[in-house]
Amino acid sequence: MTVMDEWVTAACAELGLDPGEVPVPVVLDLARDVAHQVLRPGAPVTAYLLGVAVGRGADPAATAARLSELAGSWPVELDGTVPAE
Protein backbone atom coordinates (compact mmCIF):
# COMPACT_ATOMS: atom_id res chain seq x y z
CA MET A 1 0.00 0.00 0.00
CA THR A 2 1.38 3.42 -0.93
CA VAL A 3 1.29 6.54 1.22
CA MET A 4 -1.40 7.89 -1.15
CA ASP A 5 -3.49 4.75 -0.60
CA GLU A 6 -3.04 5.06 3.16
CA TRP A 7 -3.96 8.77 3.09
CA VAL A 8 -7.06 8.24 0.94
CA THR A 9 -8.18 5.37 3.14
CA ALA A 10 -7.69 7.42 6.32
CA ALA A 11 -9.34 10.54 4.86
CA CYS A 12 -12.28 8.48 3.62
CA ALA A 13 -12.69 6.86 7.02
CA GLU A 14 -12.72 10.32 8.61
CA LEU A 15 -15.40 11.50 6.16
CA GLY A 16 -17.45 8.30 6.02
CA LEU A 17 -16.62 7.67 2.36
CA ASP A 18 -15.70 4.54 0.43
CA PRO A 19 -12.07 4.76 -0.75
CA GLY A 20 -12.95 2.49 -3.66
CA GLU A 21 -15.06 5.31 -5.07
CA VAL A 22 -12.18 7.80 -5.14
CA PRO A 23 -10.69 8.05 -8.66
CA VAL A 24 -7.22 9.07 -7.47
CA PRO A 25 -5.53 8.92 -10.92
CA VAL A 26 -8.30 11.05 -12.44
CA VAL A 27 -7.96 13.72 -9.75
CA LEU A 28 -4.15 13.71 -9.96
CA ASP A 29 -4.20 14.02 -13.76
CA LEU A 30 -6.63 16.92 -13.55
CA ALA A 31 -4.52 18.66 -10.90
CA ARG A 32 -1.41 18.20 -13.05
CA ASP A 33 -3.12 19.66 -16.12
CA VAL A 34 -4.35 22.72 -14.25
CA ALA A 35 -1.06 23.26 -12.40
CA HIS A 36 0.98 23.10 -15.60
CA GLN A 37 -1.36 24.80 -18.05
CA VAL A 38 -3.19 27.38 -15.95
CA LEU A 39 -1.52 28.01 -12.59
CA ARG A 40 -0.32 25.91 -9.68
CA PRO A 41 -2.74 27.24 -7.03
CA GLY A 42 -5.58 26.47 -9.41
CA ALA A 43 -4.97 22.73 -9.02
CA PRO A 44 -6.42 22.25 -5.51
CA VAL A 45 -9.24 24.69 -6.21
CA THR A 46 -10.14 22.78 -9.37
CA ALA A 47 -10.00 19.48 -7.47
CA TYR A 48 -12.45 20.99 -4.99
CA LEU A 49 -14.72 22.12 -7.82
CA LEU A 50 -14.60 18.61 -9.27
CA GLY A 51 -15.66 17.28 -5.87
CA VAL A 52 -18.56 19.70 -5.64
CA ALA A 53 -19.73 18.73 -9.13
CA VAL A 54 -19.43 15.01 -8.37
CA GLY A 55 -21.26 15.53 -5.08
CA ARG A 56 -24.09 17.01 -7.10
CA GLY A 57 -24.22 13.96 -9.35
CA ALA A 58 -21.69 14.62 -12.11
CA ASP A 59 -19.61 11.74 -13.48
CA PRO A 60 -16.06 12.07 -12.09
CA ALA A 61 -14.18 10.97 -15.22
CA ALA A 62 -16.30 12.98 -17.65
CA THR A 63 -16.17 16.10 -15.50
CA ALA A 64 -12.40 15.81 -15.01
CA ALA A 65 -11.97 15.38 -18.77
CA ARG A 66 -13.98 18.55 -19.43
CA LEU A 67 -11.91 20.51 -16.93
CA SER A 68 -8.64 19.11 -18.33
CA GLU A 69 -9.74 20.14 -21.81
CA LEU A 70 -10.53 23.62 -20.51
CA ALA A 71 -7.10 23.81 -18.88
CA GLY A 72 -5.46 22.68 -22.11
CA SER A 73 -7.10 25.47 -24.05
CA TRP A 74 -6.41 28.14 -21.41
CA PRO A 75 -4.60 31.12 -22.96
CA VAL A 76 -1.44 31.84 -21.00
CA GLU A 77 1.48 34.01 -22.04
CA LEU A 78 5.07 32.93 -21.41
CA ASP A 79 5.22 35.20 -18.35
CA GLY A 80 2.21 33.39 -16.85
CA THR A 81 -0.35 36.12 -17.46
CA VAL A 82 -3.58 35.85 -19.39
CA PRO A 83 -3.39 37.76 -22.68
CA ALA A 84 -5.42 40.97 -22.92
CA GLU A 85 -8.51 40.68 -25.06
PDB file of N, CA and C in Angstrom:
ATOM      1  N   MET A   1       0.863  -1.179   0.000  1.00  0.00           N
ATOM      2  CA  MET A   1       0.000   0.000   0.000  1.00  0.00           C
ATOM      3  C   MET A   1       0.904   1.235   0.000  1.00  0.00           C
ATOM      4  N   THR A   2       0.594   2.189  -0.846  1.00  0.00           N
ATOM      5  CA  THR A   2       1.379   3.419  -0.927  1.00  0.00           C
ATOM      6  C   THR A   2       0.904   4.423   0.124  1.00  0.00           C
ATOM      7  N   VAL A   3       1.693   5.470   0.298  1.00  0.00           N
ATOM      8  CA  VAL A   3       1.293   6.540   1.216  1.00  0.00           C
ATOM      9  C   VAL A   3      -0.008   7.170   0.724  1.00  0.00           C
ATOM     10  N   MET A   4      -0.152   7.328  -0.602  1.00  0.00           N
ATOM     11  CA  MET A   4      -1.399   7.890  -1.153  1.00  0.00           C
ATOM     12  C   MET A   4      -2.577   7.003  -0.788  1.00  0.00           C
ATOM     13  N   ASP A   5      -2.407   5.685  -0.955  1.00  0.00           N
ATOM     14  CA  ASP A   5      -3.487   4.752  -0.596  1.00  0.00           C
ATOM     15  C   ASP A   5      -3.843   4.871   0.883  1.00  0.00           C
ATOM     16  N   GLU A   6      -2.813   4.940   1.724  1.00  0.00           N
ATOM     17  CA  GLU A   6      -3.045   5.064   3.160  1.00  0.00           C
ATOM     18  C   GLU A   6      -3.763   6.372   3.488  1.00  0.00           C
ATOM     19  N   TRP A   7      -3.338   7.468   2.836  1.00  0.00           N
ATOM     20  CA  TRP A   7      -3.962   8.767   3.087  1.00  0.00           C
ATOM     21  C   TRP A   7      -5.428   8.757   2.660  1.00  0.00           C
ATOM     22  N   VAL A   8      -5.677   8.268   1.451  1.00  0.00           N
ATOM     23  CA  VAL A   8      -7.057   8.241   0.941  1.00  0.00           C
ATOM     24  C   VAL A   8      -7.932   7.377   1.842  1.00  0.00           C
ATOM     25  N   THR A   9      -7.421   6.249   2.259  1.00  0.00           N
ATOM     26  CA  THR A   9      -8.181   5.368   3.143  1.00  0.00           C
ATOM     27  C   THR A   9      -8.492   6.063   4.470  1.00  0.00           C
ATOM     28  N   ALA A  10      -7.486   6.715   5.047  1.00  0.00           N
ATOM     29  CA  ALA A  10      -7.695   7.415   6.323  1.00  0.00           C
ATOM     30  C   ALA A  10      -8.649   8.598   6.162  1.00  0.00           C
ATOM     31  N   ALA A  11      -8.466   9.383   5.092  1.00  0.00           N
ATOM     32  CA  ALA A  11      -9.340  10.542   4.863  1.00  0.00           C
ATOM     33  C   ALA A  11     -10.776  10.083   4.618  1.00  0.00           C
ATOM     34  N   CYS A  12     -10.939   9.007   3.866  1.00  0.00           N
ATOM     35  CA  CYS A  12     -12.281   8.484   3.619  1.00  0.00           C
ATOM     36  C   CYS A  12     -12.925   7.986   4.905  1.00  0.00           C
ATOM     37  N   ALA A  13     -12.141   7.324   5.743  1.00  0.00           N
ATOM     38  CA  ALA A  13     -12.688   6.860   7.023  1.00  0.00           C
ATOM     39  C   ALA A  13     -13.144   8.050   7.861  1.00  0.00           C
ATOM     40  N   GLU A  14     -12.370   9.115   7.849  1.00  0.00           N
ATOM     41  CA  GLU A  14     -12.717  10.320   8.608  1.00  0.00           C
ATOM     42  C   GLU A  14     -14.015  10.946   8.099  1.00  0.00           C
ATOM     43  N   LEU A  15     -14.237  10.858   6.783  1.00  0.00           N
ATOM     44  CA  LEU A  15     -15.403  11.502   6.162  1.00  0.00           C
ATOM     45  C   LEU A  15     -16.566  10.545   5.907  1.00  0.00           C
ATOM     46  N   GLY A  16     -16.393   9.277   6.255  1.00  0.00           N
ATOM     47  CA  GLY A  16     -17.454   8.303   6.021  1.00  0.00           C
ATOM     48  C   GLY A  16     -17.657   7.984   4.548  1.00  0.00           C
ATOM     49  N   LEU A  17     -16.567   7.956   3.793  1.00  0.00           N
ATOM     50  CA  LEU A  17     -16.623   7.673   2.360  1.00  0.00           C
ATOM     51  C   LEU A  17     -15.976   6.336   2.055  1.00  0.00           C
ATOM     52  N   ASP A  18     -16.289   5.788   0.899  1.00  0.00           N
ATOM     53  CA  ASP A  18     -15.696   4.535   0.431  1.00  0.00           C
ATOM     54  C   ASP A  18     -14.466   4.855  -0.402  1.00  0.00           C
ATOM     55  N   PRO A  19     -13.273   4.455   0.019  1.00  0.00           N
ATOM     56  CA  PRO A  19     -12.069   4.761  -0.749  1.00  0.00           C
ATOM     57  C   PRO A  19     -12.073   4.155  -2.139  1.00  0.00           C
ATOM     58  N   GLY A  20     -12.839   3.096  -2.332  1.00  0.00           N
ATOM     59  CA  GLY A  20     -12.945   2.492  -3.660  1.00  0.00           C
ATOM     60  C   GLY A  20     -13.656   3.380  -4.665  1.00  0.00           C
ATOM     61  N   GLU A  21     -14.347   4.387  -4.184  1.00  0.00           N
ATOM     62  CA  GLU A  21     -15.062   5.307  -5.067  1.00  0.00           C
ATOM     63  C   GLU A  21     -14.263   6.566  -5.382  1.00  0.00           C
ATOM     64  N   VAL A  22     -13.012   6.623  -4.917  1.00  0.00           N
ATOM     65  CA  VAL A  22     -12.176   7.803  -5.138  1.00  0.00           C
ATOM     66  C   VAL A  22     -11.279   7.542  -6.347  1.00  0.00           C
ATOM     67  N   PRO A  23     -11.506   8.259  -7.452  1.00  0.00           N
ATOM     68  CA  PRO A  23     -10.693   8.046  -8.655  1.00  0.00           C
ATOM     69  C   PRO A  23      -9.371   8.837  -8.571  1.00  0.00           C
ATOM     70  N   VAL A  24      -8.463   8.347  -7.740  1.00  0.00           N
ATOM     71  CA  VAL A  24      -7.222   9.069  -7.473  1.00  0.00           C
ATOM     72  C   VAL A  24      -6.479   9.444  -8.760  1.00  0.00           C
ATOM     73  N   PRO A  25      -6.259   8.527  -9.709  1.00  0.00           N
ATOM     74  CA  PRO A  25      -5.529   8.920 -10.924  1.00  0.00           C
ATOM     75  C   PRO A  25      -6.223  10.033 -11.707  1.00  0.00           C
ATOM     76  N   VAL A  26      -7.544  10.019 -11.731  1.00  0.00           N
ATOM     77  CA  VAL A  26      -8.300  11.050 -12.439  1.00  0.00           C
ATOM     78  C   VAL A  26      -8.080  12.409 -11.787  1.00  0.00           C
ATOM     79  N   VAL A  27      -8.151  12.461 -10.474  1.00  0.00           N
ATOM     80  CA  VAL A  27      -7.956  13.722  -9.748  1.00  0.00           C
ATOM     81  C   VAL A  27      -6.522  14.219  -9.918  1.00  0.00           C
ATOM     82  N   LEU A  28      -5.547  13.312  -9.821  1.00  0.00           N
ATOM     83  CA  LEU A  28      -4.149  13.713  -9.965  1.00  0.00           C
ATOM     84  C   LEU A  28      -3.847  14.220 -11.373  1.00  0.00           C
ATOM     85  N   ASP A  29      -4.409  13.556 -12.380  1.00  0.00           N
ATOM     86  CA  ASP A  29      -4.199  14.015 -13.761  1.00  0.00           C
ATOM     87  C   ASP A  29      -4.799  15.399 -13.967  1.00  0.00           C
ATOM     88  N   LEU A  30      -5.993  15.611 -13.436  1.00  0.00           N
ATOM     89  CA  LEU A  30      -6.627  16.924 -13.548  1.00  0.00           C
ATOM     90  C   LEU A  30      -5.787  17.987 -12.850  1.00  0.00           C
ATOM     91  N   ALA A  31      -5.339  17.704 -11.642  1.00  0.00           N
ATOM     92  CA  ALA A  31      -4.522  18.664 -10.904  1.00  0.00           C
ATOM     93  C   ALA A  31      -3.242  18.989 -11.663  1.00  0.00           C
ATOM     94  N   ARG A  32      -2.616  17.983 -12.254  1.00  0.00           N
ATOM     95  CA  ARG A  32      -1.410  18.203 -13.048  1.00  0.00           C
ATOM     96  C   ARG A  32      -1.694  19.122 -14.228  1.00  0.00           C
ATOM     97  N   ASP A  33      -2.785  18.849 -14.943  1.00  0.00           N
ATOM     98  CA  ASP A  33      -3.120  19.656 -16.118  1.00  0.00           C
ATOM     99  C   ASP A  33      -3.342  21.118 -15.739  1.00  0.00           C
ATOM    100  N   VAL A  34      -4.078  21.350 -14.681  1.00  0.00           N
ATOM    101  CA  VAL A  34      -4.352  22.724 -14.250  1.00  0.00           C
ATOM    102  C   VAL A  34      -3.072  23.397 -13.754  1.00  0.00           C
ATOM    103  N   ALA A  35      -2.292  22.686 -12.951  1.00  0.00           N
ATOM    104  CA  ALA A  35      -1.062  23.264 -12.398  1.00  0.00           C
ATOM    105  C   ALA A  35      -0.077  23.650 -13.500  1.00  0.00           C
ATOM    106  N   HIS A  36      -0.001  22.850 -14.542  1.00  0.00           N
ATOM    107  CA  HIS A  36       0.979  23.097 -15.602  1.00  0.00           C
ATOM    108  C   HIS A  36       0.472  24.018 -16.695  1.00  0.00           C
ATOM    109  N   GLN A  37      -0.835  24.055 -16.913  1.00  0.00           N
ATOM    110  CA  GLN A  37      -1.364  24.798 -18.050  1.00  0.00           C
ATOM    111  C   GLN A  37      -2.134  26.054 -17.662  1.00  0.00           C
ATOM    112  N   VAL A  38      -2.475  26.189 -16.406  1.00  0.00           N
ATOM    113  CA  VAL A  38      -3.194  27.384 -15.954  1.00  0.00           C
ATOM    114  C   VAL A  38      -2.346  28.059 -14.883  1.00  0.00           C
ATOM    115  N   LEU A  39      -2.386  27.539 -13.660  1.00  0.00           N
ATOM    116  CA  LEU A  39      -1.515  28.014 -12.591  1.00  0.00           C
ATOM    117  C   LEU A  39      -1.548  27.014 -11.455  1.00  0.00           C
ATOM    118  N   ARG A  40      -0.440  26.923 -10.730  1.00  0.00           N
ATOM    119  CA  ARG A  40      -0.316  25.913  -9.676  1.00  0.00           C
ATOM    120  C   ARG A  40      -1.407  26.009  -8.619  1.00  0.00           C
ATOM    121  N   PRO A  41      -1.702  27.197  -8.069  1.00  0.00           N
ATOM    122  CA  PRO A  41      -2.736  27.245  -7.034  1.00  0.00           C
ATOM    123  C   PRO A  41      -4.131  26.880  -7.557  1.00  0.00           C
ATOM    124  N   GLY A  42      -4.294  26.865  -8.859  1.00  0.00           N
ATOM    125  CA  GLY A  42      -5.583  26.468  -9.415  1.00  0.00           C
ATOM    126  C   GLY A  42      -5.854  24.982  -9.279  1.00  0.00           C
ATOM    127  N   ALA A  43      -4.801  24.181  -9.086  1.00  0.00           N
ATOM    128  CA  ALA A  43      -4.975  22.727  -9.017  1.00  0.00           C
ATOM    129  C   ALA A  43      -5.848  22.288  -7.844  1.00  0.00           C
ATOM    130  N   PRO A  44      -5.545  22.694  -6.605  1.00  0.00           N
ATOM    131  CA  PRO A  44      -6.415  22.247  -5.510  1.00  0.00           C
ATOM    132  C   PRO A  44      -7.820  22.849  -5.583  1.00  0.00           C
ATOM    133  N   VAL A  45      -7.920  24.071  -6.077  1.00  0.00           N
ATOM    134  CA  VAL A  45      -9.245  24.690  -6.207  1.00  0.00           C
ATOM    135  C   VAL A  45     -10.071  23.921  -7.233  1.00  0.00           C
ATOM    136  N   THR A  46      -9.439  23.537  -8.337  1.00  0.00           N
ATOM    137  CA  THR A  46     -10.138  22.777  -9.368  1.00  0.00           C
ATOM    138  C   THR A  46     -10.526  21.400  -8.856  1.00  0.00           C
ATOM    139  N   ALA A  47      -9.660  20.774  -8.063  1.00  0.00           N
ATOM    140  CA  ALA A  47     -10.001  19.475  -7.474  1.00  0.00           C
ATOM    141  C   ALA A  47     -11.226  19.617  -6.563  1.00  0.00           C
ATOM    142  N   TYR A  48     -11.281  20.723  -5.830  1.00  0.00           N
ATOM    143  CA  TYR A  48     -12.450  20.986  -4.989  1.00  0.00           C
ATOM    144  C   TYR A  48     -13.706  21.157  -5.854  1.00  0.00           C
ATOM    145  N   LEU A  49     -13.578  21.917  -6.930  1.00  0.00           N
ATOM    146  CA  LEU A  49     -14.721  22.123  -7.823  1.00  0.00           C
ATOM    147  C   LEU A  49     -15.191  20.805  -8.426  1.00  0.00           C
ATOM    148  N   LEU A  50     -14.248  19.941  -8.778  1.00  0.00           N
ATOM    149  CA  LEU A  50     -14.602  18.610  -9.272  1.00  0.00           C
ATOM    150  C   LEU A  50     -15.402  17.871  -8.206  1.00  0.00           C
ATOM    151  N   GLY A  51     -14.948  17.944  -6.957  1.00  0.00           N
ATOM    152  CA  GLY A  51     -15.659  17.275  -5.867  1.00  0.00           C
ATOM    153  C   GLY A  51     -17.066  17.808  -5.671  1.00  0.00           C
ATOM    154  N   VAL A  52     -17.222  19.113  -5.773  1.00  0.00           N
ATOM    155  CA  VAL A  52     -18.558  19.705  -5.644  1.00  0.00           C
ATOM    156  C   VAL A  52     -19.458  19.190  -6.768  1.00  0.00           C
ATOM    157  N   ALA A  53     -18.934  19.200  -7.996  1.00  0.00           N
ATOM    158  CA  ALA A  53     -19.733  18.730  -9.135  1.00  0.00           C
ATOM    159  C   ALA A  53     -20.105  17.258  -8.981  1.00  0.00           C
ATOM    160  N   VAL A  54     -19.159  16.437  -8.560  1.00  0.00           N
ATOM    161  CA  VAL A  54     -19.429  15.014  -8.365  1.00  0.00           C
ATOM    162  C   VAL A  54     -20.433  14.820  -7.227  1.00  0.00           C
ATOM    163  N   GLY A  55     -20.305  15.604  -6.181  1.00  0.00           N
ATOM    164  CA  GLY A  55     -21.258  15.532  -5.080  1.00  0.00           C
ATOM    165  C   GLY A  55     -22.676  15.875  -5.498  1.00  0.00           C
ATOM    166  N   ARG A  56     -22.766  16.640  -6.571  1.00  0.00           N
ATOM    167  CA  ARG A  56     -24.087  17.012  -7.102  1.00  0.00           C
ATOM    168  C   ARG A  56     -24.538  16.088  -8.219  1.00  0.00           C
ATOM    169  N   GLY A  57     -23.778  14.980  -8.409  1.00  0.00           N
ATOM    170  CA  GLY A  57     -24.220  13.960  -9.350  1.00  0.00           C
ATOM    171  C   GLY A  57     -23.454  13.851 -10.646  1.00  0.00           C
ATOM    172  N   ALA A  58     -22.449  14.684 -10.865  1.00  0.00           N
ATOM    173  CA  ALA A  58     -21.695  14.620 -12.111  1.00  0.00           C
ATOM    174  C   ALA A  58     -20.799  13.383 -12.133  1.00  0.00           C
ATOM    175  N   ASP A  59     -20.525  12.868 -13.314  1.00  0.00           N
ATOM    176  CA  ASP A  59     -19.614  11.741 -13.482  1.00  0.00           C
ATOM    177  C   ASP A  59     -18.175  12.222 -13.282  1.00  0.00           C
ATOM    178  N   PRO A  60     -17.414  11.592 -12.378  1.00  0.00           N
ATOM    179  CA  PRO A  60     -16.062  12.071 -12.089  1.00  0.00           C
ATOM    180  C   PRO A  60     -15.142  12.109 -13.301  1.00  0.00           C
ATOM    181  N   ALA A  61     -15.100  11.033 -14.077  1.00  0.00           N
ATOM    182  CA  ALA A  61     -14.182  10.970 -15.217  1.00  0.00           C
ATOM    183  C   ALA A  61     -14.566  11.972 -16.296  1.00  0.00           C
ATOM    184  N   ALA A  62     -15.845  12.057 -16.603  1.00  0.00           N
ATOM    185  CA  ALA A  62     -16.296  12.978 -17.650  1.00  0.00           C
ATOM    186  C   ALA A  62     -16.075  14.431 -17.234  1.00  0.00           C
ATOM    187  N   THR A  63     -16.345  14.735 -15.976  1.00  0.00           N
ATOM    188  CA  THR A  63     -16.168  16.101 -15.497  1.00  0.00           C
ATOM    189  C   THR A  63     -14.689  16.473 -15.470  1.00  0.00           C
ATOM    190  N   ALA A  64     -13.851  15.556 -15.021  1.00  0.00           N
ATOM    191  CA  ALA A  64     -12.402  15.813 -15.015  1.00  0.00           C
ATOM    192  C   ALA A  64     -11.895  16.011 -16.437  1.00  0.00           C
ATOM    193  N   ALA A  65     -12.391  15.236 -17.368  1.00  0.00           N
ATOM    194  CA  ALA A  65     -11.972  15.381 -18.767  1.00  0.00           C
ATOM    195  C   ALA A  65     -12.362  16.756 -19.311  1.00  0.00           C
ATOM    196  N   ARG A  66     -13.556  17.207 -18.985  1.00  0.00           N
ATOM    197  CA  ARG A  66     -13.982  18.551 -19.426  1.00  0.00           C
ATOM    198  C   ARG A  66     -13.087  19.628 -18.855  1.00  0.00           C
ATOM    199  N   LEU A  67     -12.766  19.510 -17.571  1.00  0.00           N
ATOM    200  CA  LEU A  67     -11.910  20.507 -16.929  1.00  0.00           C
ATOM    201  C   LEU A  67     -10.479  20.443 -17.468  1.00  0.00           C
ATOM    202  N   SER A  68      -9.975  19.241 -17.740  1.00  0.00           N
ATOM    203  CA  SER A  68      -8.637  19.108 -18.330  1.00  0.00           C
ATOM    204  C   SER A  68      -8.594  19.730 -19.715  1.00  0.00           C
ATOM    205  N   GLU A  69      -9.660  19.528 -20.475  1.00  0.00           N
ATOM    206  CA  GLU A  69      -9.740  20.138 -21.808  1.00  0.00           C
ATOM    207  C   GLU A  69      -9.755  21.658 -21.692  1.00  0.00           C
ATOM    208  N   LEU A  70     -10.508  22.182 -20.746  1.00  0.00           N
ATOM    209  CA  LEU A  70     -10.534  23.624 -20.514  1.00  0.00           C
ATOM    210  C   LEU A  70      -9.140  24.126 -20.155  1.00  0.00           C
ATOM    211  N   ALA A  71      -8.457  23.412 -19.269  1.00  0.00           N
ATOM    212  CA  ALA A  71      -7.099  23.807 -18.880  1.00  0.00           C
ATOM    213  C   ALA A  71      -6.160  23.787 -20.085  1.00  0.00           C
ATOM    214  N   GLY A  72      -6.312  22.788 -20.930  1.00  0.00           N
ATOM    215  CA  GLY A  72      -5.456  22.676 -22.107  1.00  0.00           C
ATOM    216  C   GLY A  72      -5.656  23.787 -23.100  1.00  0.00           C
ATOM    217  N   SER A  73      -6.816  24.381 -23.099  1.00  0.00           N
ATOM    218  CA  SER A  73      -7.098  25.470 -24.045  1.00  0.00           C
ATOM    219  C   SER A  73      -6.943  26.848 -23.403  1.00  0.00           C
ATOM    220  N   TRP A  74      -6.516  26.879 -22.137  1.00  0.00           N
ATOM    221  CA  TRP A  74      -6.410  28.139 -21.411  1.00  0.00           C
ATOM    222  C   TRP A  74      -5.306  28.997 -21.997  1.00  0.00           C
ATOM    223  N   PRO A  75      -5.609  30.247 -22.357  1.00  0.00           N
ATOM    224  CA  PRO A  75      -4.596  31.123 -22.962  1.00  0.00           C
ATOM    225  C   PRO A  75      -3.664  31.725 -21.902  1.00  0.00           C
ATOM    226  N   VAL A  76      -2.418  31.325 -21.948  1.00  0.00           N
ATOM    227  CA  VAL A  76      -1.442  31.842 -21.000  1.00  0.00           C
ATOM    228  C   VAL A  76      -0.212  32.302 -21.762  1.00  0.00           C
ATOM    229  N   GLU A  77       0.265  33.476 -21.443  1.00  0.00           N
ATOM    230  CA  GLU A  77       1.476  34.010 -22.038  1.00  0.00           C
ATOM    231  C   GLU A  77       2.694  33.367 -21.375  1.00  0.00           C
ATOM    232  N   LEU A  78       3.855  33.523 -21.962  1.00  0.00           N
ATOM    233  CA  LEU A  78       5.070  32.931 -21.414  1.00  0.00           C
ATOM    234  C   LEU A  78       5.379  33.454 -20.014  1.00  0.00           C
ATOM    235  N   ASP A  79       4.954  34.659 -19.692  1.00  0.00           N
ATOM    236  CA  ASP A  79       5.218  35.198 -18.354  1.00  0.00           C
ATOM    237  C   ASP A  79       4.159  34.759 -17.341  1.00  0.00           C
ATOM    238  N   GLY A  80       3.215  33.906 -17.756  1.00  0.00           N
ATOM    239  CA  GLY A  80       2.209  33.390 -16.853  1.00  0.00           C
ATOM    240  C   GLY A  80       0.945  34.223 -16.747  1.00  0.00           C
ATOM    241  N   THR A  81       0.855  35.294 -17.513  1.00  0.00           N
ATOM    242  CA  THR A  81      -0.346  36.124 -17.459  1.00  0.00           C
ATOM    243  C   THR A  81      -1.320  35.713 -18.554  1.00  0.00           C
ATOM    244  N   VAL A  82      -2.561  36.085 -18.378  1.00  0.00           N
ATOM    245  CA  VAL A  82      -3.576  35.850 -19.393  1.00  0.00           C
ATOM    246  C   VAL A  82      -3.496  37.003 -20.396  1.00  0.00           C
ATOM    247  N   PRO A  83      -3.484  36.691 -21.703  1.00  0.00           N
ATOM    248  CA  PRO A  83      -3.392  37.756 -22.683  1.00  0.00           C
ATOM    249  C   PRO A  83      -4.585  38.706 -22.629  1.00  0.00           C
ATOM    250  N   ALA A  84      -4.332  39.977 -22.890  1.00  0.00           N
ATOM    251  CA  ALA A  84      -5.420  40.970 -22.925  1.00  0.00           C
ATOM    252  C   ALA A  84      -6.292  40.704 -24.133  1.00  0.00           C
ATOM    253  N   GLU A  85      -7.574  40.917 -23.938  1.00  0.00           N
ATOM    254  CA  GLU A  85      -8.512  40.677 -25.057  1.00  0.00           C
ATOM    255  C   GLU A  85      -8.735  41.939 -25.829  1.00  0.00           C
TER     256      GLU A  85
END
